[in-house]
């Protein structure tokens, strides 16, 4: 499986680009909500919850398309599907 981290746990160049894009997209949202008087911590909770829910939905959708041979004749290696099915600690 691809990784966004180097061996020393530093971000890869791709991860840095993704981070910068996400940060740029979130900044106006934070500024607007802070201007409306909402707590930055409350905003962060909403962002984290939305990210977690998005992750869960994306993984489920990816699994439905890629981890069932009957729906995808060119399914990826079972190890990737098994990795995504296994809850992480």
Protein backbone atom coordinates (compact mmCIF):
# COMPACT_ATOMS: atom_id res chain seq x y z
CA UNK A 1 0.00 0.00 0.00
CA UNK A 2 1.28 3.48 -0.79
CA UNK A 3 2.28 5.72 2.09
CA UNK A 4 2.21 9.45 2.66
CA UNK A 5 5.13 9.12 5.08
CA UNK A 6 8.83 8.48 4.60
CA UNK A 7 10.58 5.85 6.70
CA UNK A 8 11.43 8.51 9.31
CA UNK A 9 7.73 9.50 9.54
CA UNK A 10 8.21 12.74 7.63
CA UNK A 11 5.64 13.70 5.03
CA UNK A 12 6.39 12.77 1.44
CA UNK A 13 6.29 15.51 -1.19
CA UNK A 14 2.82 14.27 -2.18
CA UNK A 15 1.64 14.45 1.44
CA UNK A 16 2.95 18.02 1.75
CA UNK A 17 1.01 19.02 -1.36
CA UNK A 18 -2.19 17.39 -0.07
CA UNK A 19 -1.72 19.01 3.34
CA UNK A 20 -1.27 22.44 1.78
CA UNK A 21 -4.39 22.01 -0.35
CA UNK A 22 -6.48 20.85 2.60
CA UNK A 23 -5.19 23.67 4.77
CA UNK A 24 -6.03 26.21 2.06
CA UNK A 25 -9.55 24.82 1.77
CA UNK A 26 -10.10 24.84 5.53
CA UNK A 27 -8.76 28.31 6.30
CA UNK A 28 -11.72 30.26 4.88
CA UNK A 29 -14.14 27.96 6.69
CA UNK A 30 -12.37 28.49 10.01
CA UNK A 31 -12.16 32.25 9.50
CA UNK A 32 -15.87 32.49 8.67
CA UNK A 33 -16.95 30.41 11.65
CA UNK A 34 -14.60 32.18 14.07
CA UNK A 35 -15.98 35.50 12.80
CA UNK A 36 -19.46 34.16 13.63
CA UNK A 37 -18.26 33.55 17.17
CA UNK A 38 -17.74 29.79 17.17
CA UNK A 39 -14.91 28.28 19.17
CA UNK A 40 -11.91 27.08 17.14
CA UNK A 41 -12.00 23.84 19.16
CA UNK A 42 -15.64 23.24 18.24
CA UNK A 43 -14.81 23.85 14.59
CA UNK A 44 -11.94 21.37 14.84
CA UNK A 45 -14.29 18.74 16.29
CA UNK A 46 -16.62 19.22 13.31
CA UNK A 47 -13.73 19.02 10.84
CA UNK A 48 -12.33 15.88 12.47
CA UNK A 49 -15.75 14.23 12.58
CA UNK A 50 -16.38 15.09 8.93
CA UNK A 51 -12.95 13.71 7.97
CA UNK A 52 -13.56 10.47 9.87
CA UNK A 53 -17.01 10.01 8.34
CA UNK A 54 -15.65 10.77 4.87
CA UNK A 55 -12.86 8.23 5.40
CA UNK A 56 -15.34 5.54 6.45
CA UNK A 57 -17.62 6.20 3.49
CA UNK A 58 -14.72 6.30 1.01
CA UNK A 59 -13.24 3.04 2.29
CA UNK A 60 -16.64 1.34 2.20
CA UNK A 61 -17.29 2.55 -1.35
CA UNK A 62 -13.79 1.51 -2.47
CA UNK A 63 -14.25 -1.94 -0.93
CA UNK A 64 -17.62 -2.43 -2.61
CA UNK A 65 -16.07 -1.68 -5.99
CA UNK A 66 -12.67 -3.32 -5.59
CA UNK A 67 -12.90 -6.14 -3.05
CA UNK A 68 -15.68 -8.19 -4.59
CA UNK A 69 -14.51 -10.21 -7.62
CA UNK A 70 -18.05 -10.56 -8.95
CA UNK A 71 -18.36 -6.77 -9.29
CA UNK A 72 -14.79 -6.15 -10.42
CA UNK A 73 -12.98 -8.76 -12.49
CA UNK A 74 -9.67 -6.95 -12.00
CA UNK A 75 -9.88 -6.70 -8.20
CA UNK A 76 -6.64 -5.72 -6.44
CA UNK A 77 -4.60 -8.04 -4.31
CA UNK A 78 -6.64 -9.50 -1.44
CA UNK A 79 -4.09 -8.22 1.06
CA UNK A 80 -5.12 -4.61 0.43
CA UNK A 81 -8.80 -5.48 0.82
CA UNK A 82 -8.03 -7.41 4.01
CA UNK A 83 -5.98 -4.51 5.37
CA UNK A 84 -8.88 -2.13 4.88
CA UNK A 85 -11.32 -4.55 6.50
CA UNK A 86 -9.18 -4.94 9.62
CA UNK A 87 -9.94 -2.29 12.27
CA UNK A 88 -6.85 -0.30 13.18
CA UNK A 89 -5.91 0.07 16.84
